[in-house]
């Protein structure tokens, strides 16, 4: 059902763009129809080739299809905005409207491609009386939603690893969607991730895209990269810090936050890794800081408005309950189109300190 709805929505968006272009330049309508149809079909060709095991052959179609998915989303938003502007304020010439949309789409798409590769280091200080015995802060590096797969760049992954290591973290965590398909081609990426260095260890939880890609194999790759995968369980790292992890709802194991936090006392600072930024009211008072991802901050504006409908949490630090906080990462990579518009990727550095 999801595939049918997804195809239908994409088809309507592409038809809307074709109609706008054809009205502006009727003599080029065949060219527009052919071009848009081929771009639209590329993604489905990639999926068919992938399912037949022809991964190398599917890669160029995947890149073209996902890139067009992102660009068409930007073009759709701009076209809809100019149509509304015409309806509310003034009547634009159809050709002028098309030229404006085309120019803005080109500029914003270039910026989105640049922004997707320019991740930021976001530093957050978290204080708690539970950490009073610390001689120095515990530094946690959070990566999330790298979506390593068909559209990934090995050079970009190396930059992420180098940036994390430069911050000298005590602990590295991945809050889901580390891998996203084409798993048999991921060995070079595993080798790069293995270079992440953290004295207290590296921990990860599953995301929905690991499930779609093949959960067992994806988590096996995660472990080969040096991560301990927390599946509804926890592990004490020091006398002051315990890390717990919850399975993603898409997994057949299902999330069990009660089990992950079971038997934990309130003395150590409890760090909860959870892919989706949802707060379980049953966990009130049972952890101190939840780290999540999943939303990508919308990835391509204005689709962040849709994210707000699904999740109340905003990117960044927010309070869930007294003495309980959530840090929601915008993600370190990108799903599908390697484009990010006004939702820059990030590596998060959290310093856990005494009050």
C-alpha atoms as a PDB file:
ATOM      1  CA  UNK A   1       0.000   0.000   0.000  1.00  0.00           C
ATOM      2  CA  UNK A   2       2.842   2.408   0.871  1.00  0.00           C
ATOM      3  CA  UNK A   3       4.487   1.794  -2.520  1.00  0.00           C
ATOM      4  CA  UNK A   4       1.214   2.505  -4.315  1.00  0.00           C
ATOM      5  CA  UNK A   5       0.619   5.749  -2.411  1.00  0.00           C
ATOM      6  CA  UNK A   6       4.262   6.809  -2.807  1.00  0.00           C
ATOM      7  CA  UNK A   7       4.150   6.199  -6.575  1.00  0.00           C
ATOM      8  CA  UNK A   8       0.830   7.995  -6.922  1.00  0.00           C
ATOM      9  CA  UNK A   9       2.023  11.078  -5.013  1.00  0.00           C
ATOM     10  CA  UNK A  10       5.272  11.250  -7.007  1.00  0.00           C
ATOM     11  CA  UNK A  11       3.335  10.803 -10.232  1.00  0.00           C
ATOM     12  CA  UNK A  12       1.008  13.686  -9.397  1.00  0.00           C
ATOM     13  CA  UNK A  13       3.955  15.938  -8.484  1.00  0.00           C
ATOM     14  CA  UNK A  14       5.700  15.137 -11.762  1.00  0.00           C
ATOM     15  CA  UNK A  15       2.505  15.698 -13.757  1.00  0.00           C
ATOM     16  CA  UNK A  16       2.017  19.053 -12.023  1.00  0.00           C
ATOM     17  CA  UNK A  17       5.558  20.092 -12.981  1.00  0.00           C
ATOM     18  CA  UNK A  18       5.058  18.884 -16.559  1.00  0.00           C
ATOM     19  CA  UNK A  19       1.821  20.817 -16.893  1.00  0.00           C
ATOM     20  CA  UNK A  20       3.461  24.035 -15.649  1.00  0.00           C
ATOM     21  CA  UNK A  21       6.364  23.637 -18.084  1.00  0.00           C
ATOM     22  CA  UNK A  22       4.143  22.670 -21.023  1.00  0.00           C
ATOM     23  CA  UNK A  23       1.819  25.652 -20.498  1.00  0.00           C
ATOM     24  CA  UNK A  24       4.833  27.967 -20.521  1.00  0.00           C
ATOM     25  CA  UNK A  25       6.429  26.377 -23.608  1.00  0.00           C
ATOM     26  CA  UNK A  26       3.817  24.357 -25.542  1.00  0.00           C
ATOM     27  CA  UNK A  27       6.229  23.619 -28.373  1.00  0.00           C
ATOM     28  CA  UNK A  28       8.514  21.780 -25.935  1.00  0.00           C
ATOM     29  CA  UNK A  29       5.797  19.690 -24.299  1.00  0.00           C
ATOM     30  CA  UNK A  30       7.070  16.404 -25.812  1.00  0.00           C
ATOM     31  CA  UNK A  31      10.590  17.159 -24.571  1.00  0.00           C
ATOM     32  CA  UNK A  32       9.304  17.958 -21.072  1.00  0.00           C
ATOM     33  CA  UNK A  33       7.125  14.850 -20.977  1.00  0.00           C
ATOM     34  CA  UNK A  34       9.941  12.557 -22.101  1.00  0.00           C
ATOM     35  CA  UNK A  35      12.519  14.064 -19.744  1.00  0.00           C
ATOM     36  CA  UNK A  36      10.281  14.019 -16.677  1.00  0.00           C
ATOM     37  CA  UNK A  37       9.087  10.476 -17.417  1.00  0.00           C
ATOM     38  CA  UNK A  38      12.654   9.164 -17.715  1.00  0.00           C
ATOM     39  CA  UNK A  39      13.748  10.921 -14.528  1.00  0.00           C
ATOM     40  CA  UNK A  40      10.667   9.674 -12.690  1.00  0.00           C
ATOM     41  CA  UNK A  41      11.217   6.102 -13.903  1.00  0.00           C
ATOM     42  CA  UNK A  42      14.919   6.017 -12.897  1.00  0.00           C
ATOM     43  CA  UNK A  43      14.163   5.363  -9.249  1.00  0.00           C
ATOM     44  CA  UNK A  44      11.939   2.406 -10.059  1.00  0.00           C
ATOM     45  CA  UNK A  45      14.527   0.987 -12.459  1.00  0.00           C
ATOM     46  CA  UNK A  46      17.083   1.206  -9.633  1.00  0.00           C
ATOM     47  CA  UNK A  47      14.786  -0.680  -7.245  1.00  0.00           C
ATOM     48  CA  UNK A  48      14.129  -3.441  -9.812  1.00  0.00           C
ATOM     49  CA  UNK A  49      17.845  -3.884 -10.547  1.00  0.00           C
ATOM     50  CA  UNK A  50      18.669  -3.917  -6.821  1.00  0.00           C
ATOM     51  CA  UNK A  51      16.106  -6.626  -6.119  1.00  0.00           C
ATOM     52  CA  UNK A  52      17.580  -8.707  -8.922  1.00  0.00           C
ATOM     53  CA  UNK A  53      20.991  -8.431  -7.304  1.00  0.00           C
ATOM     54  CA  UNK A  54      22.477  -6.151  -9.960  1.00  0.00           C
ATOM     55  CA  UNK A  55      23.700  -3.580  -7.470  1.00  0.00           C
ATOM     56  CA  UNK A  56      26.453  -1.970  -9.551  1.00  0.00           C
ATOM     57  CA  UNK A  57      24.077  -1.488 -12.486  1.00  0.00           C
ATOM     58  CA  UNK A  58      21.431   0.067 -10.256  1.00  0.00           C
ATOM     59  CA  UNK A  59      23.728   2.708  -8.716  1.00  0.00           C
ATOM     60  CA  UNK A  60      23.562   5.334 -11.520  1.00  0.00           C
ATOM     61  CA  UNK A  61      19.788   4.951 -11.809  1.00  0.00           C
ATOM     62  CA  UNK A  62      19.491   5.297  -8.044  1.00  0.00           C
ATOM     63  CA  UNK A  63      21.564   8.501  -8.032  1.00  0.00           C
ATOM     64  CA  UNK A  64      19.542  10.000 -10.903  1.00  0.00           C
ATOM     65  CA  UNK A  65      16.204   8.945  -9.418  1.00  0.00           C
ATOM     66  CA  UNK A  66      16.866  10.168  -5.890  1.00  0.00           C
ATOM     67  CA  UNK A  67      18.433  13.418  -7.095  1.00  0.00           C
ATOM     68  CA  UNK A  68      15.360  14.098  -9.224  1.00  0.00           C
ATOM     69  CA  UNK A  69      13.177  13.225  -6.228  1.00  0.00           C
ATOM     70  CA  UNK A  70      14.839  16.013  -4.241  1.00  0.00           C
ATOM     71  CA  UNK A  71      14.916  18.533  -7.086  1.00  0.00           C
ATOM     72  CA  UNK A  72      11.302  17.861  -8.046  1.00  0.00           C
ATOM     73  CA  UNK A  73      10.320  18.403  -4.399  1.00  0.00           C
ATOM     74  CA  UNK A  74      11.970  21.816  -4.434  1.00  0.00           C
ATOM     75  CA  UNK A  75      10.416  22.656  -7.825  1.00  0.00           C
ATOM     76  CA  UNK A  76       6.987  21.512  -6.636  1.00  0.00           C
ATOM     77  CA  UNK A  77       7.147  23.750  -3.558  1.00  0.00           C
ATOM     78  CA  UNK A  78       8.210  26.760  -5.618  1.00  0.00           C
ATOM     79  CA  UNK A  79       5.578  26.127  -8.293  1.00  0.00           C
ATOM     80  CA  UNK A  80       2.837  25.773  -5.708  1.00  0.00           C
ATOM     81  CA  UNK A  81       4.013  28.965  -3.978  1.00  0.00           C
ATOM     82  CA  UNK A  82       3.970  30.981  -7.210  1.00  0.00           C
ATOM     83  CA  UNK A  83       0.546  29.570  -8.116  1.00  0.00           C
ATOM     84  CA  UNK A  84      -0.789  30.696  -4.747  1.00  0.00           C
ATOM     85  CA  UNK A  85       0.868  34.079  -5.234  1.00  0.00           C
ATOM     86  CA  UNK A  86      -0.851  34.463  -8.579  1.00  0.00           C
ATOM     87  CA  UNK A  87      -4.196  33.508  -7.076  1.00  0.00           C
ATOM     88  CA  UNK A  88      -3.870  35.863  -4.100  1.00  0.00           C
ATOM     89  CA  UNK A  89      -2.023  38.890  -5.448  1.00  0.00           C
ATOM     90  CA  UNK A  90      -1.122  39.219  -9.075  1.00  0.00           C
ATOM     91  CA  UNK A  91      -1.202  37.396 -12.387  1.00  0.00           C
ATOM     92  CA  UNK A  92       2.197  36.334 -13.682  1.00  0.00           C
ATOM     93  CA  UNK A  93       2.870  35.436 -17.272  1.00  0.00           C
ATOM     94  CA  UNK A  94       3.075  31.619 -17.474  1.00  0.00           C
ATOM     95  CA  UNK A  95       6.461  31.766 -19.141  1.00  0.00           C
ATOM     96  CA  UNK A  96       7.815  34.214 -16.571  1.00  0.00           C
ATOM     97  CA  UNK A  97       6.530  32.011 -13.751  1.00  0.00           C
ATOM     98  CA  UNK A  98       8.272  28.965 -15.239  1.00  0.00           C
ATOM     99  CA  UNK A  99      11.529  30.893 -15.660  1.00  0.00           C
ATOM    100  CA  UNK A 100      11.410  32.117 -12.051  1.00  0.00           C
ATOM    101  CA  UNK A 101      10.727  28.605 -10.733  1.00  0.00           C
ATOM    102  CA  UNK A 102      13.456  27.106 -12.934  1.00  0.00           C
ATOM    103  CA  UNK A 103      16.066  29.635 -11.803  1.00  0.00           C
ATOM    104  CA  UNK A 104      15.200  29.300  -8.107  1.00  0.00           C
ATOM    105  CA  UNK A 105      15.105  25.505  -8.339  1.00  0.00           C
ATOM    106  CA  UNK A 106      18.575  25.483  -9.908  1.00  0.00           C
ATOM    107  CA  UNK A 107      20.019  27.806  -7.242  1.00  0.00           C
ATOM    108  CA  UNK A 108      18.394  26.040  -4.285  1.00  0.00           C
ATOM    109  CA  UNK A 109      19.327  22.584  -5.586  1.00  0.00           C
ATOM    110  CA  UNK A 110      22.985  23.592  -5.869  1.00  0.00           C
ATOM    111  CA  UNK A 111      22.867  25.033  -2.362  1.00  0.00           C
ATOM    112  CA  UNK A 112      21.173  21.873  -1.075  1.00  0.00           C
ATOM    113  CA  UNK A 113      23.903  19.666  -2.550  1.00  0.00           C
ATOM    114  CA  UNK A 114      26.562  21.873  -0.956  1.00  0.00           C
ATOM    115  CA  UNK A 115      24.789  22.000   2.403  1.00  0.00           C
ATOM    116  CA  UNK A 116      24.363  18.216   2.526  1.00  0.00           C
ATOM    117  CA  UNK A 117      28.155  17.780   2.522  1.00  0.00           C
ATOM    118  CA  UNK A 118      28.862  20.588   4.995  1.00  0.00           C
ATOM    119  CA  UNK A 119      27.990  19.015   8.333  1.00  0.00           C
ATOM    120  CA  UNK A 120      28.352  21.130  11.438  1.00  0.00           C
ATOM    121  CA  UNK A 121      29.777  20.374  14.854  1.00  0.00           C
ATOM    122  CA  UNK A 122      27.119  21.255  17.435  1.00  0.00           C
ATOM    123  CA  UNK A 123      28.361  21.432  21.018  1.00  0.00           C
ATOM    124  CA  UNK A 124      25.936  21.033  23.905  1.00  0.00           C
ATOM    125  CA  UNK A 125      26.670  21.141  27.640  1.00  0.00           C
ATOM    126  CA  UNK A 126      24.517  18.971  29.897  1.00  0.00           C
ATOM    127  CA  UNK A 127      24.833  19.384  33.664  1.00  0.00           C
ATOM    128  CA  UNK A 128      23.579  17.081  36.403  1.00  0.00           C
ATOM    129  CA  UNK A 129      24.227  16.624  40.137  1.00  0.00           C
ATOM    130  CA  UNK A 130      24.583  12.895  39.371  1.00  0.00           C
ATOM    131  CA  UNK A 131      27.918  13.744  37.746  1.00  0.00           C
ATOM    132  CA  UNK A 132      29.316  15.602  40.759  1.00  0.00           C
ATOM    133  CA  UNK A 133      32.102  13.048  41.282  1.00  0.00           C
ATOM    134  CA  UNK A 134      33.548  13.586  37.802  1.00  0.00           C
ATOM    135  CA  UNK A 135      36.993  15.110  37.604  1.00  0.00           C
ATOM    136  CA  UNK A 136      36.242  16.255  34.046  1.00  0.00           C
ATOM    137  CA  UNK A 137      33.205  16.146  31.754  1.00  0.00           C
ATOM    138  CA  UNK A 138      32.367  12.991  29.826  1.00  0.00           C
ATOM    139  CA  UNK A 139      32.303  13.855  26.130  1.00  0.00           C
ATOM    140  CA  UNK A 140      29.720  12.038  23.986  1.00  0.00           C
ATOM    141  CA  UNK A 141      29.751  12.235  20.190  1.00  0.00           C
ATOM    142  CA  UNK A 142      26.414  11.509  18.525  1.00  0.00           C
ATOM    143  CA  UNK A 143      26.091  10.560  14.879  1.00  0.00           C
ATOM    144  CA  UNK A 144      22.698   9.730  13.441  1.00  0.00           C
ATOM    145  CA  UNK A 145      21.032   8.878  10.149  1.00  0.00           C
ATOM    146  CA  UNK A 146      24.169   8.473   8.060  1.00  0.00           C
ATOM    147  CA  UNK A 147      22.118   6.268   5.708  1.00  0.00           C
ATOM    148  CA  UNK A 148      25.151   4.531   4.275  1.00  0.00           C
ATOM    149  CA  UNK A 149      24.065   2.892   1.037  1.00  0.00           C
ATOM    150  CA  UNK A 150      23.732   3.518  -2.677  1.00  0.00           C
ATOM    151  CA  UNK A 151      24.110   7.313  -2.519  1.00  0.00           C
ATOM    152  CA  UNK A 152      26.897   7.441   0.062  1.00  0.00           C
ATOM    153  CA  UNK A 153      30.347   8.902  -0.396  1.00  0.00           C
ATOM    154  CA  UNK A 154      33.356   7.200   1.167  1.00  0.00           C
ATOM    155  CA  UNK A 155      35.192  10.545   1.236  1.00  0.00           C
ATOM    156  CA  UNK A 156      32.327  12.173   3.149  1.00  0.00           C
ATOM    157  CA  UNK A 157      32.266   9.298   5.643  1.00  0.00           C
ATOM    158  CA  UNK A 158      36.003   9.744   6.217  1.00  0.00           C
ATOM    159  CA  UNK A 159      35.403  13.448   6.934  1.00  0.00           C
ATOM    160  CA  UNK A 160      32.742  12.563   9.491  1.00  0.00           C
ATOM    161  CA  UNK A 161      35.041  10.084  11.248  1.00  0.00           C
ATOM    162  CA  UNK A 162      37.939  12.565  11.238  1.00  0.00           C
ATOM    163  CA  UNK A 163      35.712  15.316  12.644  1.00  0.00           C
ATOM    164  CA  UNK A 164      34.459  13.054  15.440  1.00  0.00           C
ATOM    165  CA  UNK A 165      37.942  11.867  16.376  1.00  0.00           C
ATOM    166  CA  UNK A 166      39.223  15.475  16.395  1.00  0.00           C
ATOM    167  CA  UNK A 167      36.770  16.203  19.223  1.00  0.00           C
ATOM    168  CA  UNK A 168      38.377  13.422  21.337  1.00  0.00           C
ATOM    169  CA  UNK A 169      35.107  11.895  22.587  1.00  0.00           C
ATOM    170  CA  UNK A 170      34.963   9.468  25.489  1.00  0.00           C
ATOM    171  CA  UNK A 171      31.915   7.783  23.977  1.00  0.00           C
ATOM    172  CA  UNK A 172      30.503   7.564  20.433  1.00  0.00           C
ATOM    173  CA  UNK A 173      26.853   6.719  19.827  1.00  0.00           C
ATOM    174  CA  UNK A 174      24.817   6.127  16.658  1.00  0.00           C
ATOM    175  CA  UNK A 175      21.094   6.711  17.038  1.00  0.00           C
ATOM    176  CA  UNK A 176      19.893   4.609  14.104  1.00  0.00           C
ATOM    177  CA  UNK A 177      19.822   4.457  10.306  1.00  0.00           C
ATOM    178  CA  UNK A 178      23.566   3.957  10.111  1.00  0.00           C
ATOM    179  CA  UNK A 179      23.136   1.627   7.116  1.00  0.00           C
ATOM    180  CA  UNK A 180      20.498   1.884   4.405  1.00  0.00           C
ATOM    181  CA  UNK A 181      20.648  -0.774   1.700  1.00  0.00           C
ATOM    182  CA  UNK A 182      23.306  -2.133  -0.689  1.00  0.00           C
ATOM    183  CA  UNK A 183      24.784  -3.883   2.342  1.00  0.00           C
ATOM    184  CA  UNK A 184      27.058  -6.164   0.341  1.00  0.00           C
ATOM    185  CA  UNK A 185      28.906  -3.042  -0.900  1.00  0.00           C
ATOM    186  CA  UNK A 186      29.397  -1.541   2.568  1.00  0.00           C
ATOM    187  CA  UNK A 187      32.705  -3.191   3.571  1.00  0.00           C
ATOM    188  CA  UNK A 188      34.806  -0.052   2.791  1.00  0.00           C
ATOM    189  CA  UNK A 189      32.454   2.065   4.910  1.00  0.00           C
ATOM    190  CA  UNK A 190      32.718  -0.424   7.778  1.00  0.00           C
ATOM    191  CA  UNK A 191      36.504  -0.102   7.634  1.00  0.00           C
ATOM    192  CA  UNK A 192      36.248   3.686   7.899  1.00  0.00           C
ATOM    193  CA  UNK A 193      33.766   3.558  10.809  1.00  0.00           C
ATOM    194  CA  UNK A 194      36.075   1.173  12.638  1.00  0.00           C
ATOM    195  CA  UNK A 195      38.523   4.090  12.941  1.00  0.00           C
ATOM    196  CA  UNK A 196      36.177   5.948  15.303  1.00  0.00           C
ATOM    197  CA  UNK A 197      38.021   6.064  18.614  1.00  0.00           C
ATOM    198  CA  UNK A 198      36.360   6.316  22.031  1.00  0.00           C
ATOM    199  CA  UNK A 199      37.789   4.998  25.327  1.00  0.00           C
ATOM    200  CA  UNK A 200      34.361   4.203  26.795  1.00  0.00           C
ATOM    201  CA  UNK A 201      33.226   2.465  23.619  1.00  0.00           C
ATOM    202  CA  UNK A 202      30.868   2.875  20.678  1.00  0.00           C
ATOM    203  CA  UNK A 203      27.172   2.061  20.981  1.00  0.00           C
ATOM    204  CA  UNK A 204      24.305   1.985  18.498  1.00  0.00           C
ATOM    205  CA  UNK A 205      20.597   1.285  18.188  1.00  0.00           C
ATOM    206  CA  UNK A 206      18.568   0.198  15.188  1.00  0.00           C
ATOM    207  CA  UNK A 207      16.611   2.562  12.967  1.00  0.00           C
ATOM    208  CA  UNK A 208      13.756   1.862  10.585  1.00  0.00           C
ATOM    209  CA  UNK A 209      16.047   1.859   7.541  1.00  0.00           C
ATOM    210  CA  UNK A 210      18.216  -0.906   8.974  1.00  0.00           C
ATOM    211  CA  UNK A 211      15.021  -2.935   9.106  1.00  0.00           C
ATOM    212  CA  UNK A 212      14.179  -2.123   5.475  1.00  0.00           C
ATOM    213  CA  UNK A 213      17.716  -2.992   4.362  1.00  0.00           C
ATOM    214  CA  UNK A 214      17.826  -6.283   6.271  1.00  0.00           C
ATOM    215  CA  UNK A 215      18.128  -5.899  10.035  1.00  0.00           C
ATOM    216  CA  UNK A 216      20.371  -8.856  10.886  1.00  0.00           C
ATOM    217  CA  UNK A 217      22.915  -8.031   8.194  1.00  0.00           C
ATOM    218  CA  UNK A 218      22.800  -4.293   8.933  1.00  0.00           C
ATOM    219  CA  UNK A 219      23.396  -4.858  12.651  1.00  0.00           C
ATOM    220  CA  UNK A 220      26.172  -7.316  11.834  1.00  0.00           C
ATOM    221  CA  UNK A 221      27.895  -4.588   9.821  1.00  0.00           C
ATOM    222  CA  UNK A 222      27.353  -2.179  12.719  1.00  0.00           C
ATOM    223  CA  UNK A 223      29.092  -4.605  15.071  1.00  0.00           C
ATOM    224  CA  UNK A 224      31.923  -5.159  12.574  1.00  0.00           C
ATOM    225  CA  UNK A 225      32.394  -1.387  12.611  1.00  0.00           C
ATOM    226  CA  UNK A 226      33.100  -1.645  16.352  1.00  0.00           C
ATOM    227  CA  UNK A 227      29.709  -0.690  17.783  1.00  0.00           C
ATOM    228  CA  UNK A 228      27.917  -2.528  20.553  1.00  0.00           C
ATOM    229  CA  UNK A 229      24.263  -2.699  19.500  1.00  0.00           C
ATOM    230  CA  UNK A 230      21.829  -2.136  22.368  1.00  0.00           C
ATOM    231  CA  UNK A 231      18.544  -3.937  21.687  1.00  0.00           C
ATOM    232  CA  UNK A 232      16.237  -3.148  24.615  1.00  0.00           C
ATOM    233  CA  UNK A 233      19.135  -3.393  27.036  1.00  0.00           C
ATOM    234  CA  UNK A 234      21.691  -1.271  28.871  1.00  0.00           C
ATOM    235  CA  UNK A 235      25.327  -1.244  29.882  1.00  0.00           C
ATOM    236  CA  UNK A 236      27.138   0.499  32.731  1.00  0.00           C
ATOM    237  CA  UNK A 237      30.182   2.416  31.481  1.00  0.00           C
ATOM    238  CA  UNK A 238      31.382   4.072  34.675  1.00  0.00           C
ATOM    239  CA  UNK A 239      30.062   4.521  38.190  1.00  0.00           C
ATOM    240  CA  UNK A 240      28.451   7.749  37.001  1.00  0.00           C
ATOM    241  CA  UNK A 241      27.189   6.786  33.521  1.00  0.00           C
ATOM    242  CA  UNK A 242      24.976   4.051  32.067  1.00  0.00           C
ATOM    243  CA  UNK A 243      23.860   3.867  28.436  1.00  0.00           C
ATOM    244  CA  UNK A 244      20.604   2.172  27.404  1.00  0.00           C
ATOM    245  CA  UNK A 245      19.201   1.486  23.944  1.00  0.00           C
ATOM    246  CA  UNK A 246      15.746   0.793  22.539  1.00  0.00           C
ATOM    247  CA  UNK A 247      14.864  -1.144  19.388  1.00  0.00           C
ATOM    248  CA  UNK A 248      13.088   0.711  16.590  1.00  0.00           C
ATOM    249  CA  UNK A 249       9.316   0.058  16.243  1.00  0.00           C
ATOM    250  CA  UNK A 250       9.840  -1.242  12.688  1.00  0.00           C
ATOM    251  CA  UNK A 251      11.893  -4.149  14.026  1.00  0.00           C
ATOM    252  CA  UNK A 252      10.310  -7.543  14.633  1.00  0.00           C
ATOM    253  CA  UNK A 253      11.845  -7.464  18.122  1.00  0.00           C
ATOM    254  CA  UNK A 254       9.760  -4.339  18.899  1.00  0.00           C
ATOM    255  CA  UNK A 255      10.841  -1.591  21.320  1.00  0.00           C
ATOM    256  CA  UNK A 256      10.766  -2.438  25.010  1.00  0.00           C
ATOM    257  CA  UNK A 257      11.857   0.635  26.915  1.00  0.00           C
ATOM    258  CA  UNK A 258      10.765  -0.828  30.247  1.00  0.00           C
ATOM    259  CA  UNK A 259      13.178  -3.749  29.811  1.00  0.00           C
ATOM    260  CA  UNK A 260      15.986  -1.477  28.603  1.00  0.00           C
ATOM    261  CA  UNK A 261      15.685   0.633  31.753  1.00  0.00           C
ATOM    262  CA  UNK A 262      14.755  -2.206  34.114  1.00  0.00           C
ATOM    263  CA  UNK A 263      16.658  -2.544  37.415  1.00  0.00           C
ATOM    264  CA  UNK A 264      18.506   0.725  36.848  1.00  0.00           C
ATOM    265  CA  UNK A 265      18.862   2.836  39.956  1.00  0.00           C
ATOM    266  CA  UNK A 266      18.503   6.607  39.896  1.00  0.00           C
ATOM    267  CA  UNK A 267      22.107   7.135  40.944  1.00  0.00           C
ATOM    268  CA  UNK A 268      24.063   6.974  37.660  1.00  0.00           C
ATOM    269  CA  UNK A 269      23.362   9.385  34.830  1.00  0.00           C
ATOM    270  CA  UNK A 270      21.341   7.360  32.311  1.00  0.00           C
ATOM    271  CA  UNK A 271      21.756   8.059  28.622  1.00  0.00           C
ATOM    272  CA  UNK A 272      18.951   6.609  26.494  1.00  0.00           C
ATOM    273  CA  UNK A 273      19.516   5.941  22.779  1.00  0.00           C
ATOM    274  CA  UNK A 274      16.282   5.868  20.810  1.00  0.00           C
ATOM    275  CA  UNK A 275      15.994   6.379  17.051  1.00  0.00           C
ATOM    276  CA  UNK A 276      12.617   8.118  17.002  1.00  0.00           C
ATOM    277  CA  UNK A 277      12.079  11.230  19.172  1.00  0.00           C
ATOM    278  CA  UNK A 278       9.026   9.926  21.012  1.00  0.00           C
ATOM    279  CA  UNK A 279       8.718  10.137  24.802  1.00  0.00           C
ATOM    280  CA  UNK A 280       7.265   7.170  26.647  1.00  0.00           C
ATOM    281  CA  UNK A 281       5.394   8.495  29.678  1.00  0.00           C
ATOM    282  CA  UNK A 282       6.097   5.189  31.458  1.00  0.00           C
ATOM    283  CA  UNK A 283       9.788   6.172  31.462  1.00  0.00           C
ATOM    284  CA  UNK A 284       9.193   9.382  33.385  1.00  0.00           C
ATOM    285  CA  UNK A 285      12.018   9.762  35.907  1.00  0.00           C
ATOM    286  CA  UNK A 286      13.869   6.666  34.631  1.00  0.00           C
ATOM    287  CA  UNK A 287      16.540   8.330  32.466  1.00  0.00           C
ATOM    288  CA  UNK A 288      18.287  11.685  32.217  1.00  0.00           C
ATOM    289  CA  UNK A 289      19.004  12.345  28.545  1.00  0.00           C
ATOM    290  CA  UNK A 290      17.479  10.800  25.419  1.00  0.00           C
ATOM    291  CA  UNK A 291      19.385  11.024  22.137  1.00  0.00           C
ATOM    292  CA  UNK A 292      17.340  10.598  18.964  1.00  0.00           C
ATOM    293  CA  UNK A 293      17.359  11.244  15.226  1.00  0.00           C
ATOM    294  CA  UNK A 294      15.025  10.041  12.457  1.00  0.00           C
ATOM    295  CA  UNK A 295      13.448  13.357  11.388  1.00  0.00           C
ATOM    296  CA  UNK A 296      16.471  14.915   9.588  1.00  0.00           C
ATOM    297  CA  UNK A 297      15.003  18.290  10.557  1.00  0.00           C
ATOM    298  CA  UNK A 298      12.804  17.859   7.474  1.00  0.00           C
ATOM    299  CA  UNK A 299      15.916  17.514   5.233  1.00  0.00           C
ATOM    300  CA  UNK A 300      14.464  19.642   2.421  1.00  0.00           C
ATOM    301  CA  UNK A 301      12.403  22.707   3.298  1.00  0.00           C
ATOM    302  CA  UNK A 302       9.440  23.177   3.468  1.00  0.00           C
ATOM    303  CA  UNK A 303       8.919  19.491   4.312  1.00  0.00           C
ATOM    304  CA  UNK A 304       9.900  20.211   7.916  1.00  0.00           C
ATOM    305  CA  UNK A 305       6.253  21.246   8.362  1.00  0.00           C
ATOM    306  CA  UNK A 306       5.245  17.618   7.743  1.00  0.00           C
ATOM    307  CA  UNK A 307       7.734  16.488  10.386  1.00  0.00           C
ATOM    308  CA  UNK A 308       6.113  18.850  12.884  1.00  0.00           C
ATOM    309  CA  UNK A 309       2.791  17.107  12.298  1.00  0.00           C
ATOM    310  CA  UNK A 310       4.323  13.711  13.095  1.00  0.00           C
ATOM    311  CA  UNK A 311       6.581  14.667  16.020  1.00  0.00           C
ATOM    312  CA  UNK A 312       6.274  17.374  18.641  1.00  0.00           C
ATOM    313  CA  UNK A 313      10.019  17.469  19.307  1.00  0.00           C
ATOM    314  CA  UNK A 314      12.094  20.134  17.578  1.00  0.00           C
ATOM    315  CA  UNK A 315      15.727  19.653  16.521  1.00  0.00           C
ATOM    316  CA  UNK A 316      18.080  20.502  19.352  1.00  0.00           C
ATOM    317  CA  UNK A 317      17.751  20.256  23.125  1.00  0.00           C
ATOM    318  CA  UNK A 318      14.328  20.209  24.761  1.00  0.00           C
ATOM    319  CA  UNK A 319      12.841  19.228  28.105  1.00  0.00           C
ATOM    320  CA  UNK A 320      10.663  16.132  28.271  1.00  0.00           C
ATOM    321  CA  UNK A 321       9.906  16.207  31.984  1.00  0.00           C
ATOM    322  CA  UNK A 322      11.584  17.565  35.136  1.00  0.00           C
ATOM    323  CA  UNK A 323      15.284  16.555  34.984  1.00  0.00           C
ATOM    324  CA  UNK A 324      14.737  14.688  31.693  1.00  0.00           C
ATOM    325  CA  UNK A 325      15.859  16.059  28.338  1.00  0.00           C
ATOM    326  CA  UNK A 326      15.901  15.101  24.685  1.00  0.00           C
ATOM    327  CA  UNK A 327      18.505  16.019  22.120  1.00  0.00           C
ATOM    328  CA  UNK A 328      17.112  15.559  18.614  1.00  0.00           C
ATOM    329  CA  UNK A 329      19.803  15.470  15.937  1.00  0.00           C
ATOM    330  CA  UNK A 330      19.136  16.688  12.403  1.00  0.00           C
ATOM    331  CA  UNK A 331      21.211  13.709  11.289  1.00  0.00           C
ATOM    332  CA  UNK A 332      24.724  13.407   9.942  1.00  0.00           C
ATOM    333  CA  UNK A 333      23.848  12.183   6.459  1.00  0.00           C
ATOM    334  CA  UNK A 334      20.842  12.276   4.158  1.00  0.00           C
ATOM    335  CA  UNK A 335      18.224   9.798   3.013  1.00  0.00           C
ATOM    336  CA  UNK A 336      17.731   9.329  -0.717  1.00  0.00           C
ATOM    337  CA  UNK A 337      18.608  12.591  -2.464  1.00  0.00           C
ATOM    338  CA  UNK A 338      21.928  13.883  -1.160  1.00  0.00           C
ATOM    339  CA  UNK A 339      20.334  17.285  -0.718  1.00  0.00           C
ATOM    340  CA  UNK A 340      19.557  19.310   2.389  1.00  0.00           C
ATOM    341  CA  UNK A 341      17.751  22.621   2.203  1.00  0.00           C
ATOM    342  CA  UNK A 342      17.849  24.746   5.354  1.00  0.00           C
ATOM    343  CA  UNK A 343      18.334  21.616   7.472  1.00  0.00           C
ATOM    344  CA  UNK A 344      22.120  21.230   7.757  1.00  0.00           C
ATOM    345  CA  UNK A 345      23.541  17.873   8.876  1.00  0.00           C
ATOM    346  CA  UNK A 346      25.422  17.696  12.138  1.00  0.00           C
ATOM    347  CA  UNK A 347      27.764  15.825  14.399  1.00  0.00           C
ATOM    348  CA  UNK A 348      26.699  16.497  17.984  1.00  0.00           C
ATOM    349  CA  UNK A 349      29.184  16.791  20.826  1.00  0.00           C
ATOM    350  CA  UNK A 350      27.627  16.604  24.281  1.00  0.00           C
ATOM    351  CA  UNK A 351      29.704  17.354  27.359  1.00  0.00           C
ATOM    352  CA  UNK A 352      28.160  15.719  30.438  1.00  0.00           C
ATOM    353  CA  UNK A 353      29.289  17.848  33.389  1.00  0.00           C
ATOM    354  CA  UNK A 354      28.671  18.406  37.095  1.00  0.00           C
ATOM    355  CA  UNK A 355      26.316  21.263  37.897  1.00  0.00           C
END
